[in-house]
Each structure stands twice: as C-alpha cells, then as structure tokens.
C-alpha cells in the first residue's frame, strides 16, 4: 500500500484547506491512458473518493484516493514532498527503499 510521509500529508492538508475542500477530501491519483509524456499518473484534489478508490489516510488525517490502476502502480511506493531547484515544493513518488518515511 502507498505510504504517505508527514511532509506530504501536511501539503495535502494545506492544499485541501486552501481550496475549500471538506475534511473528507484529499489528493486523487488516476492512471492516464495513453501516457502523457511518459507520465502514467494524473493527480488532482477531490472532495471525496470515487467508488472503487483505495483510500490511504495519513496519521494527520490527510487522504489520498487511488483509483484501482493507480493503487496497483503505487502499492510499493512512498508519497513525499520535495523542493525543486527554485525551492518550489512538488509531490514525489519514491520507492519505499529510497528512504521515504511513511506517516
């Protein structure tokens, strides 16, 4: 199952609050078909999970919704937040052996 770091959970909570999404909302991953520029996943804020979604809830209460294909693809991954060269925070999906610390 996808693990969520504390930093990623905090970012999800901040994004959902900023956009006025209810506490039941979260970040939703879906498979993109066909892949866009080599990226198989799309991510968006969602007010609630869609029927069939796997729901991952971090210890802080932040939610990640995974449609079935995305859940399979991310089953051994960690969702984290990392700063790019300009200091902008971005979500990153890491293998669990890359040192991601799940919440």
Protein backbone atom coordinates (compact mmCIF):
# COMPACT_ATOMS: atom_id res chain seq x y z
CA UNK A 1 0.00 0.00 0.00
CA UNK A 2 1.14 3.55 -0.73
CA UNK A 3 2.81 5.19 2.26
CA UNK A 4 2.50 8.95 2.87
CA UNK A 5 5.25 10.98 4.55
CA UNK A 6 4.40 13.58 7.16
CA UNK A 7 5.54 16.34 4.78
CA UNK A 8 3.22 15.05 2.03
CA UNK A 9 0.32 14.76 4.48
CA UNK A 10 0.88 18.35 5.62
CA UNK A 11 0.97 19.54 1.98
CA UNK A 12 -2.26 17.67 1.17
CA UNK A 13 -3.98 19.19 4.20
CA UNK A 14 -2.79 22.68 3.24
CA UNK A 15 -3.94 22.28 -0.38
CA UNK A 16 -7.37 20.95 0.51
CA UNK A 17 -7.91 23.71 3.10
CA UNK A 18 -6.74 26.37 0.65
CA UNK A 19 -9.21 25.16 -2.00
CA UNK A 20 -12.12 24.84 0.45
CA UNK A 21 -12.27 21.05 0.10
CA UNK A 22 -14.08 19.35 3.02
CA UNK A 23 -12.23 17.19 5.54
CA UNK A 24 -13.44 14.13 3.61
CA UNK A 25 -11.47 15.31 0.57
CA UNK A 26 -7.92 14.66 -0.49
CA UNK A 27 -5.50 14.08 -3.33
CA UNK A 28 -6.65 11.61 -6.03
CA UNK A 29 -4.35 9.65 -8.34
CA UNK A 30 -5.61 8.12 -11.59
CA UNK A 31 -3.90 6.31 -14.45
CA UNK A 32 -3.53 8.32 -17.64
CA UNK A 33 -4.27 6.40 -20.82
CA UNK A 34 -2.42 6.82 -23.05
CA UNK A 35 0.53 8.03 -21.01
CA UNK A 36 1.23 11.74 -21.38
CA UNK A 37 4.95 12.46 -21.89
CA UNK A 38 5.87 9.22 -20.11
CA UNK A 39 3.82 10.03 -17.01
CA UNK A 40 1.28 7.32 -16.26
CA UNK A 41 -0.45 9.20 -13.41
CA UNK A 42 -2.65 12.26 -13.07
CA UNK A 43 -3.24 13.91 -9.72
CA UNK A 44 -5.98 16.30 -8.62
CA UNK A 45 -7.76 17.45 -5.50
CA UNK A 46 -11.05 15.67 -4.91
CA UNK A 47 -13.86 16.35 -2.41
CA UNK A 48 -14.30 12.62 -1.76
CA UNK A 49 -13.17 9.25 -3.13
CA UNK A 50 -14.84 7.78 -6.20
CA UNK A 51 -16.49 4.38 -5.88
CA UNK A 52 -13.77 1.72 -6.13
CA UNK A 53 -10.96 4.01 -4.94
CA UNK A 54 -8.49 2.76 -2.37
CA UNK A 55 -8.28 5.33 0.44
CA UNK A 56 -5.00 5.93 2.26
CA UNK A 57 -5.35 8.08 5.36
CA UNK A 58 -2.21 9.52 6.95
CA UNK A 59 -1.88 9.77 10.72
CA UNK A 60 -2.60 13.50 10.40
CA UNK A 61 -5.93 12.77 8.70
CA UNK A 62 -4.90 13.73 5.15
CA UNK A 63 -6.44 11.46 2.48
CA UNK A 64 -5.05 10.03 -0.73
CA UNK A 65 -7.52 8.39 -3.12
CA UNK A 66 -6.20 5.83 -5.60
CA UNK A 67 -8.24 4.51 -8.50
CA UNK A 68 -7.59 0.76 -8.85
CA UNK A 69 -4.88 1.03 -11.55
CA UNK A 70 -3.06 3.77 -9.66
CA UNK A 71 -3.32 1.75 -6.42
CA UNK A 72 -1.60 -1.18 -8.11
CA UNK A 73 1.12 1.01 -9.62
CA UNK A 74 1.79 2.78 -6.30
CA UNK A 75 1.44 -0.21 -3.96
CA UNK A 76 5.16 -0.27 -3.08
CA UNK A 77 5.76 3.49 -3.18
CA UNK A 78 6.01 6.45 -0.79
CA UNK A 79 4.39 9.82 -1.49
CA UNK A 80 6.66 12.64 -0.37
CA UNK A 81 7.15 16.36 -0.99
CA UNK A 82 10.47 17.67 -2.25
CA UNK A 83 11.77 21.13 -3.19
CA UNK A 84 12.99 21.71 -6.75
CA UNK A 85 15.94 23.93 -7.76
CA UNK A 86 13.80 27.07 -7.32
CA UNK A 87 12.54 25.99 -3.91
CA UNK A 88 9.06 25.11 -5.20
CA UNK A 89 7.55 22.13 -3.39
CA UNK A 90 6.42 19.22 -5.56
CA UNK A 91 4.94 15.84 -4.79
CA UNK A 92 7.36 12.97 -5.44
CA UNK A 93 6.68 9.26 -5.67
CA UNK A 94 9.61 7.22 -4.36
CA UNK A 95 10.30 3.53 -3.99
CA UNK A 96 9.94 2.56 -0.35
CA UNK A 97 13.63 1.62 -0.23
CA UNK A 98 14.67 5.22 -1.15
CA UNK A 99 14.29 6.34 2.43
CA UNK A 100 10.77 7.75 2.38
CA UNK A 101 9.42 7.76 5.91
CA UNK A 102 5.70 6.92 5.97
CA UNK A 103 3.42 8.68 8.44
